[in-house]
């Protein structure tokens, strides 16, 4: 009977060790995670949805940034047309970097990163 006892203990110990791992694996599945307090929508004192107001403000900011992005792209095009095809000025390079950063900001806002 003694040889069976350690084997049973080993099986149970293994099962007890694997239990927390399986619980963590289940909780990390997308769609099965329990909703937390940050997912709930808050109502503002004026009665409007906080999520709706945030989305509205982000949309307005995206529109402003998109207009600015179009202006900057036109400025970059004009600057590139003035310059030689082999050499670009540092200002032109900086303008291209600014355009890239603004585009990333818009994309991040759209993804809600």
Protein backbone atom coordinates (compact mmCIF):
# COMPACT_ATOMS: atom_id res chain seq x y z
CA UNK A 1 0.00 0.00 0.00
CA UNK A 2 2.87 2.37 0.61
CA UNK A 3 4.07 2.42 -3.01
CA UNK A 4 0.61 3.54 -4.19
CA UNK A 5 0.42 6.40 -1.74
CA UNK A 6 3.29 8.43 -3.20
CA UNK A 7 1.91 7.88 -6.72
CA UNK A 8 -1.50 9.23 -5.65
CA UNK A 9 0.13 12.15 -3.92
CA UNK A 10 2.17 12.87 -7.03
CA UNK A 11 -0.92 12.82 -9.24
CA UNK A 12 -2.81 15.10 -6.90
CA UNK A 13 0.16 17.42 -6.52
CA UNK A 14 0.47 17.61 -10.31
CA UNK A 15 -3.25 18.35 -10.63
CA UNK A 16 -3.03 21.04 -7.98
CA UNK A 17 -0.08 22.62 -9.74
CA UNK A 18 -1.82 22.63 -13.12
CA UNK A 19 -5.10 24.02 -11.78
CA UNK A 20 -3.95 27.67 -11.48
CA UNK A 21 -2.34 27.48 -14.93
CA UNK A 22 -5.57 26.27 -16.52
CA UNK A 23 -7.58 28.95 -14.71
CA UNK A 24 -5.23 31.65 -16.01
CA UNK A 25 -5.40 30.25 -19.53
CA UNK A 26 -9.20 30.35 -19.44
CA UNK A 27 -9.31 33.92 -18.14
CA UNK A 28 -6.92 35.22 -20.84
CA UNK A 29 -9.16 34.06 -23.69
CA UNK A 30 -10.70 36.97 -25.55
CA UNK A 31 -14.42 37.18 -25.07
CA UNK A 32 -14.40 35.18 -21.85
CA UNK A 33 -12.79 37.79 -19.63
CA UNK A 34 -15.14 39.16 -17.01
CA UNK A 35 -16.17 42.76 -17.60
CA UNK A 36 -14.43 45.22 -15.36
CA UNK A 37 -15.58 48.60 -14.10
CA UNK A 38 -13.82 50.48 -16.92
CA UNK A 39 -16.16 48.90 -19.50
CA UNK A 40 -19.25 50.44 -17.93
CA UNK A 41 -20.52 53.68 -19.39
CA UNK A 42 -20.83 56.63 -17.05
CA UNK A 43 -23.56 59.24 -17.23
CA UNK A 44 -22.41 62.83 -17.02
CA UNK A 45 -24.26 65.41 -14.86
CA UNK A 46 -25.91 66.81 -18.01
CA UNK A 47 -27.42 63.35 -18.65
CA UNK A 48 -25.26 62.49 -21.66
CA UNK A 49 -23.18 59.36 -22.01
CA UNK A 50 -19.51 59.87 -21.15
CA UNK A 51 -18.44 57.40 -23.85
CA UNK A 52 -20.51 59.25 -26.48
CA UNK A 53 -19.02 62.59 -25.47
CA UNK A 54 -15.49 61.20 -25.63
CA UNK A 55 -16.13 59.70 -29.06
CA UNK A 56 -17.64 62.97 -30.27
CA UNK A 57 -14.62 64.96 -29.04
CA UNK A 58 -12.20 62.47 -30.62
CA UNK A 59 -14.09 62.65 -33.92
CA UNK A 60 -13.92 66.44 -33.94
CA UNK A 61 -10.20 66.33 -33.14
CA UNK A 62 -9.66 63.77 -35.92
CA UNK A 63 -11.39 66.07 -38.40
CA UNK A 64 -9.20 69.02 -37.36
CA UNK A 65 -6.06 66.89 -37.52
CA UNK A 66 -7.05 65.47 -40.92
CA UNK A 67 -7.49 69.00 -42.28
CA UNK A 68 -4.08 69.94 -40.88
CA UNK A 69 -2.63 66.74 -42.35
CA UNK A 70 -3.92 67.70 -45.80
CA UNK A 71 -2.40 71.18 -45.46
CA UNK A 72 0.93 69.74 -44.40
CA UNK A 73 0.90 67.27 -47.30
CA UNK A 74 0.32 70.14 -49.75
CA UNK A 75 3.16 72.10 -48.15
CA UNK A 76 5.43 69.07 -48.39
CA UNK A 77 4.54 68.59 -52.06
CA UNK A 78 5.28 72.24 -52.82
CA UNK A 79 8.60 72.06 -50.98
CA UNK A 80 9.60 68.89 -52.82
CA UNK A 81 8.75 70.43 -56.19
CA UNK A 82 11.07 73.37 -55.46
CA UNK A 83 14.01 71.18 -54.47
CA UNK A 84 16.40 69.10 -56.50
CA UNK A 85 15.53 65.45 -57.05
CA UNK A 86 18.75 64.30 -55.39
CA UNK A 87 18.85 66.56 -52.33
CA UNK A 88 16.12 67.44 -49.82
CA UNK A 89 16.40 70.10 -47.16
CA UNK A 90 16.25 69.28 -43.48
CA UNK A 91 13.01 71.27 -43.22
CA UNK A 92 11.43 69.02 -45.83
CA UNK A 93 12.50 65.94 -43.88
CA UNK A 94 11.14 67.42 -40.66
CA UNK A 95 7.82 68.21 -42.35
CA UNK A 96 7.58 64.59 -43.53
CA UNK A 97 8.23 63.42 -39.94
CA UNK A 98 5.56 65.80 -38.60
CA UNK A 99 3.08 64.40 -41.12
CA UNK A 100 3.92 60.88 -40.02
CA UNK A 101 3.48 61.73 -36.32
CA UNK A 102 0.14 63.41 -36.96
CA UNK A 103 -1.07 60.44 -38.99
CA UNK A 104 -0.07 58.11 -36.13
CA UNK A 105 -1.99 60.27 -33.64
CA UNK A 106 -5.11 60.10 -35.78
CA UNK A 107 -4.78 56.34 -36.19
CA UNK A 108 -4.20 55.81 -32.46
CA UNK A 109 -7.28 57.88 -31.64
CA UNK A 110 -9.33 55.86 -34.11
CA UNK A 111 -8.13 52.61 -32.52
CA UNK A 112 -8.57 54.02 -29.01
CA UNK A 113 -4.95 53.12 -28.08
